[in-house]
Amino acid sequence: MDHEGFHNGWNAALRHMRQHSDTLLPEIERLIFNDPATIVYWSDGTKTVVKCQQGDTFSAETGLMAAMLKRFMGNDNSYNKVINYWLATTHQPALPKATEDHGS
């Protein structure tokens, strides 16, 4: 289990939340569901993109939740470290590495 990856991801998320405690999650300005992607444009001018992984079934609800979590945790891929940590504790396969960052 990658304890360091978990702590690095979680700490990055906590730093982001502390720095932006007045606006933890901006309003959604525009939301696009375009299988396999969910794209959210936020009121602070940033954009978050999440995509289904190969073999997954597209779900608008899951895509929106993933985009909100990604944005809430800093809009980078540190949230993958946290998710992968918990997946590993139950012997589930890790998320694939992101190929690009669609943050701010």
N, C-alpha and C. Protein backbone atom coordinates (compact mmCIF):
# COMPACT_ATOMS: atom_id res chain seq x y z
N MET A 1 0.84 -1.18 0.00
CA MET A 1 0.00 0.00 0.00
C MET A 1 0.89 1.24 0.00
N ASP A 2 0.53 2.23 -0.79
CA ASP A 2 1.34 3.44 -0.95
C ASP A 2 0.90 4.51 0.04
N HIS A 3 1.40 4.40 1.28
CA HIS A 3 1.03 5.38 2.31
C HIS A 3 1.52 6.77 1.94
N GLU A 4 2.71 6.86 1.35
CA GLU A 4 3.25 8.17 0.99
C GLU A 4 2.37 8.85 -0.06
N GLY A 5 1.92 8.09 -1.07
CA GLY A 5 1.04 8.66 -2.09
C GLY A 5 -0.25 9.18 -1.50
N PHE A 6 -0.82 8.41 -0.57
CA PHE A 6 -2.05 8.84 0.10
C PHE A 6 -1.81 10.14 0.86
N HIS A 7 -0.77 10.17 1.67
CA HIS A 7 -0.51 11.36 2.49
C HIS A 7 -0.20 12.57 1.63
N ASN A 8 0.57 12.38 0.55
CA ASN A 8 0.87 13.50 -0.34
C ASN A 8 -0.41 14.04 -0.98
N GLY A 9 -1.27 13.16 -1.45
CA GLY A 9 -2.52 13.59 -2.07
C GLY A 9 -3.45 14.25 -1.07
N TRP A 10 -3.59 13.63 0.09
CA TRP A 10 -4.49 14.18 1.10
C TRP A 10 -3.98 15.53 1.60
N ASN A 11 -2.67 15.62 1.83
CA ASN A 11 -2.11 16.89 2.30
C ASN A 11 -2.27 17.99 1.25
N ALA A 12 -2.11 17.66 -0.02
CA ALA A 12 -2.32 18.66 -1.08
C ALA A 12 -3.77 19.14 -1.07
N ALA A 13 -4.69 18.21 -0.89
CA ALA A 13 -6.11 18.58 -0.85
C ALA A 13 -6.40 19.47 0.36
N LEU A 14 -5.85 19.13 1.51
CA LEU A 14 -6.08 19.94 2.71
C LEU A 14 -5.49 21.34 2.56
N ARG A 15 -4.29 21.43 1.96
CA ARG A 15 -3.69 22.76 1.74
C ARG A 15 -4.60 23.60 0.85
N HIS A 16 -5.12 23.00 -0.20
CA HIS A 16 -6.01 23.73 -1.11
C HIS A 16 -7.26 24.20 -0.36
N MET A 17 -7.86 23.33 0.43
CA MET A 17 -9.08 23.69 1.14
C MET A 17 -8.82 24.81 2.15
N ARG A 18 -7.68 24.77 2.82
CA ARG A 18 -7.36 25.83 3.79
C ARG A 18 -7.12 27.17 3.10
N GLN A 19 -6.48 27.14 1.95
CA GLN A 19 -6.19 28.38 1.22
C GLN A 19 -7.45 29.00 0.65
N HIS A 20 -8.45 28.19 0.37
CA HIS A 20 -9.67 28.66 -0.27
C HIS A 20 -10.89 28.38 0.59
N SER A 21 -10.74 28.54 1.89
CA SER A 21 -11.83 28.16 2.80
C SER A 21 -13.08 29.01 2.62
N ASP A 22 -12.94 30.21 2.04
CA ASP A 22 -14.11 31.05 1.84
C ASP A 22 -14.96 30.57 0.66
N THR A 23 -14.35 29.92 -0.29
CA THR A 23 -15.08 29.41 -1.45
C THR A 23 -14.57 28.02 -1.78
N LEU A 24 -14.99 27.04 -1.02
CA LEU A 24 -14.49 25.69 -1.24
C LEU A 24 -14.90 25.14 -2.60
N LEU A 25 -16.06 25.46 -3.07
CA LEU A 25 -16.48 24.98 -4.37
C LEU A 25 -17.28 26.08 -5.05
N PRO A 26 -16.73 26.63 -6.14
CA PRO A 26 -17.46 27.70 -6.83
C PRO A 26 -18.73 27.16 -7.48
N GLU A 27 -19.56 28.06 -7.94
CA GLU A 27 -20.79 27.67 -8.62
C GLU A 27 -20.47 27.07 -9.99
N ILE A 28 -21.32 26.17 -10.44
CA ILE A 28 -21.19 25.62 -11.79
C ILE A 28 -21.79 26.63 -12.76
N GLU A 29 -20.99 27.06 -13.73
CA GLU A 29 -21.46 27.98 -14.76
C GLU A 29 -22.02 27.22 -15.96
N ARG A 30 -21.34 26.14 -16.31
CA ARG A 30 -21.74 25.34 -17.47
C ARG A 30 -21.33 23.90 -17.23
N LEU A 31 -22.19 22.99 -17.61
CA LEU A 31 -21.95 21.56 -17.40
C LEU A 31 -22.19 20.83 -18.70
N ILE A 32 -21.21 20.04 -19.13
CA ILE A 32 -21.32 19.30 -20.39
C ILE A 32 -21.07 17.83 -20.10
N PHE A 33 -22.00 17.00 -20.53
CA PHE A 33 -21.82 15.56 -20.50
C PHE A 33 -21.63 15.12 -21.94
N ASN A 34 -20.45 14.63 -22.25
CA ASN A 34 -20.13 14.19 -23.60
C ASN A 34 -19.37 12.87 -23.47
N ASP A 35 -20.13 11.77 -23.37
CA ASP A 35 -19.59 10.44 -23.15
C ASP A 35 -18.31 10.25 -23.97
N PRO A 36 -17.17 9.99 -23.32
CA PRO A 36 -16.94 9.53 -21.96
C PRO A 36 -16.55 10.64 -20.98
N ALA A 37 -16.70 11.90 -21.36
CA ALA A 37 -16.21 12.99 -20.51
C ALA A 37 -17.34 13.76 -19.83
N THR A 38 -17.02 14.29 -18.66
CA THR A 38 -17.85 15.27 -17.97
C THR A 38 -16.98 16.51 -17.83
N ILE A 39 -17.49 17.65 -18.28
CA ILE A 39 -16.74 18.90 -18.27
C ILE A 39 -17.53 19.92 -17.48
N VAL A 40 -16.87 20.53 -16.50
CA VAL A 40 -17.52 21.54 -15.67
C VAL A 40 -16.74 22.84 -15.78
N TYR A 41 -17.45 23.91 -16.13
CA TYR A 41 -16.89 25.26 -16.11
C TYR A 41 -17.41 25.92 -14.84
N TRP A 42 -16.47 26.43 -14.03
CA TRP A 42 -16.80 26.99 -12.72
C TRP A 42 -16.85 28.51 -12.77
N SER A 43 -17.54 29.09 -11.79
CA SER A 43 -17.71 30.54 -11.73
C SER A 43 -16.40 31.29 -11.46
N ASP A 44 -15.36 30.58 -11.03
CA ASP A 44 -14.06 31.24 -10.81
C ASP A 44 -13.18 31.20 -12.06
N GLY A 45 -13.75 30.74 -13.18
CA GLY A 45 -13.03 30.72 -14.44
C GLY A 45 -12.25 29.45 -14.72
N THR A 46 -12.27 28.48 -13.80
CA THR A 46 -11.55 27.23 -14.02
C THR A 46 -12.45 26.22 -14.71
N LYS A 47 -11.82 25.17 -15.20
CA LYS A 47 -12.52 24.09 -15.88
C LYS A 47 -12.01 22.78 -15.30
N THR A 48 -12.91 21.83 -15.11
CA THR A 48 -12.54 20.50 -14.64
C THR A 48 -13.07 19.48 -15.65
N VAL A 49 -12.21 18.56 -16.05
CA VAL A 49 -12.59 17.50 -16.98
C VAL A 49 -12.27 16.16 -16.34
N VAL A 50 -13.23 15.27 -16.32
CA VAL A 50 -13.01 13.89 -15.88
C VAL A 50 -13.54 12.98 -16.98
N LYS A 51 -12.91 11.81 -17.11
CA LYS A 51 -13.31 10.87 -18.17
C LYS A 51 -13.47 9.48 -17.60
N CYS A 52 -14.40 8.72 -18.19
CA CYS A 52 -14.52 7.30 -17.88
C CYS A 52 -13.24 6.60 -18.29
N GLN A 53 -12.91 5.58 -17.56
CA GLN A 53 -11.77 4.75 -17.93
C GLN A 53 -12.27 3.65 -18.87
N GLN A 54 -11.36 3.10 -19.64
CA GLN A 54 -11.71 2.03 -20.56
C GLN A 54 -12.41 0.91 -19.80
N GLY A 55 -13.53 0.46 -20.33
CA GLY A 55 -14.30 -0.60 -19.69
C GLY A 55 -15.39 -0.10 -18.77
N ASP A 56 -15.36 1.19 -18.39
CA ASP A 56 -16.41 1.76 -17.53
C ASP A 56 -17.62 2.13 -18.37
N THR A 57 -18.77 2.20 -17.72
CA THR A 57 -19.99 2.68 -18.36
C THR A 57 -20.20 4.12 -17.95
N PHE A 58 -20.43 5.00 -18.92
CA PHE A 58 -20.61 6.42 -18.64
C PHE A 58 -21.82 6.63 -17.75
N SER A 59 -21.65 7.49 -16.74
CA SER A 59 -22.74 7.88 -15.85
C SER A 59 -22.59 9.37 -15.59
N ALA A 60 -23.61 10.15 -15.93
CA ALA A 60 -23.57 11.59 -15.69
C ALA A 60 -23.41 11.88 -14.20
N GLU A 61 -24.12 11.16 -13.36
CA GLU A 61 -24.04 11.39 -11.91
C GLU A 61 -22.62 11.13 -11.39
N THR A 62 -22.04 10.01 -11.78
CA THR A 62 -20.68 9.68 -11.34
C THR A 62 -19.68 10.69 -11.88
N GLY A 63 -19.85 11.10 -13.14
CA GLY A 63 -18.95 12.09 -13.73
C GLY A 63 -19.00 13.41 -12.99
N LEU A 64 -20.21 13.86 -12.64
CA LEU A 64 -20.35 15.11 -11.91
C LEU A 64 -19.73 15.00 -10.52
N MET A 65 -19.97 13.90 -9.84
CA MET A 65 -19.37 13.72 -8.51
C MET A 65 -17.85 13.70 -8.59
N ALA A 66 -17.30 13.02 -9.60
CA ALA A 66 -15.85 12.96 -9.76
C ALA A 66 -15.28 14.35 -10.05
N ALA A 67 -15.98 15.12 -10.90
CA ALA A 67 -15.52 16.47 -11.22
C ALA A 67 -15.57 17.37 -9.99
N MET A 68 -16.62 17.25 -9.20
CA MET A 68 -16.74 18.06 -7.98
C MET A 68 -15.63 17.68 -6.99
N LEU A 69 -15.38 16.39 -6.83
CA LEU A 69 -14.32 15.95 -5.92
C LEU A 69 -12.96 16.45 -6.40
N LYS A 70 -12.72 16.31 -7.70
CA LYS A 70 -11.44 16.77 -8.25
C LYS A 70 -11.26 18.27 -8.00
N ARG A 71 -12.29 19.06 -8.26
CA ARG A 71 -12.21 20.52 -8.06
C ARG A 71 -12.05 20.86 -6.59
N PHE A 72 -12.80 20.17 -5.74
CA PHE A 72 -12.76 20.41 -4.30
C PHE A 72 -11.38 20.12 -3.73
N MET A 73 -10.68 19.16 -4.32
CA MET A 73 -9.38 18.74 -3.81
C MET A 73 -8.22 19.40 -4.55
N GLY A 74 -8.47 20.49 -5.27
CA GLY A 74 -7.38 21.25 -5.85
C GLY A 74 -7.34 21.28 -7.36
N ASN A 75 -8.23 20.57 -8.02
CA ASN A 75 -8.35 20.56 -9.48
C ASN A 75 -7.09 20.03 -10.17
N ASP A 76 -6.38 19.18 -9.47
CA ASP A 76 -5.26 18.50 -10.09
C ASP A 76 -5.47 17.01 -9.86
N ASN A 77 -4.46 16.23 -10.03
CA ASN A 77 -4.66 14.79 -9.91
C ASN A 77 -4.26 14.23 -8.56
N SER A 78 -4.10 15.10 -7.55
CA SER A 78 -3.76 14.59 -6.22
C SER A 78 -4.90 13.75 -5.64
N TYR A 79 -6.13 14.00 -6.10
CA TYR A 79 -7.24 13.20 -5.58
C TYR A 79 -7.10 11.74 -5.98
N ASN A 80 -6.42 11.46 -7.11
CA ASN A 80 -6.19 10.07 -7.50
C ASN A 80 -5.38 9.34 -6.45
N LYS A 81 -4.42 10.03 -5.81
CA LYS A 81 -3.61 9.38 -4.78
C LYS A 81 -4.47 8.95 -3.60
N VAL A 82 -5.41 9.80 -3.22
CA VAL A 82 -6.29 9.47 -2.10
C VAL A 82 -7.19 8.30 -2.47
N ILE A 83 -7.79 8.35 -3.65
CA ILE A 83 -8.68 7.27 -4.09
C ILE A 83 -7.90 5.97 -4.22
N ASN A 84 -6.72 6.02 -4.83
CA ASN A 84 -5.92 4.81 -5.00
C ASN A 84 -5.50 4.20 -3.68
N TYR A 85 -5.23 5.04 -2.69
CA TYR A 85 -4.89 4.53 -1.37
C TYR A 85 -6.03 3.66 -0.83
N TRP A 86 -7.25 4.17 -0.91
CA TRP A 86 -8.38 3.43 -0.36
C TRP A 86 -8.75 2.23 -1.22
N LEU A 87 -8.56 2.32 -2.52
CA LEU A 87 -8.78 1.16 -3.38
C LEU A 87 -7.81 0.04 -3.00
N ALA A 88 -6.57 0.40 -2.73
CA ALA A 88 -5.56 -0.60 -2.38
C ALA A 88 -5.88 -1.30 -1.07
N THR A 89 -6.54 -0.60 -0.14
CA THR A 89 -6.85 -1.24 1.15
C THR A 89 -7.86 -2.37 0.99
N THR A 90 -8.60 -2.37 -0.12
CA THR A 90 -9.56 -3.44 -0.37
C THR A 90 -9.17 -4.27 -1.59
N HIS A 91 -7.89 -4.14 -1.99
CA HIS A 91 -7.32 -4.93 -3.09
C HIS A 91 -8.04 -4.71 -4.41
N GLN A 92 -8.50 -3.48 -4.63
CA GLN A 92 -9.11 -3.10 -5.91
C GLN A 92 -8.03 -2.52 -6.81
N PRO A 93 -8.21 -2.63 -8.13
CA PRO A 93 -7.20 -2.05 -9.03
C PRO A 93 -7.16 -0.52 -8.90
N ALA A 94 -5.98 0.02 -9.05
CA ALA A 94 -5.79 1.47 -8.96
C ALA A 94 -6.35 2.16 -10.20
N LEU A 95 -6.64 3.44 -10.06
CA LEU A 95 -7.05 4.25 -11.21
C LEU A 95 -5.86 4.38 -12.15
N PRO A 96 -6.11 4.42 -13.46
CA PRO A 96 -5.00 4.66 -14.39
C PRO A 96 -4.42 6.05 -14.17
N LYS A 97 -3.17 6.22 -14.51
CA LYS A 97 -2.54 7.54 -14.39
C LYS A 97 -3.19 8.48 -15.38
N ALA A 98 -3.42 9.72 -14.95
CA ALA A 98 -4.00 10.73 -15.83
C ALA A 98 -3.00 11.10 -16.91
N THR A 99 -3.49 11.32 -18.11
CA THR A 99 -2.61 11.66 -19.22
C THR A 99 -2.45 13.16 -19.37
N GLU A 100 -3.37 13.93 -18.81
CA GLU A 100 -3.27 15.38 -18.88
C GLU A 100 -4.05 15.98 -17.73
N ASP A 101 -3.69 17.20 -17.37
CA ASP A 101 -4.37 17.91 -16.29
C ASP A 101 -5.20 19.02 -16.90
N HIS A 102 -6.50 19.02 -16.60
CA HIS A 102 -7.41 20.03 -17.16
C HIS A 102 -7.77 21.07 -16.12
N GLY A 103 -6.87 21.35 -15.21
CA GLY A 103 -7.16 22.31 -14.15
C GLY A 103 -7.25 23.73 -14.65
N SER A 104 -7.13 24.65 -13.73
CA SER A 104 -7.33 26.07 -14.01
C SER A 104 -6.47 26.59 -15.12
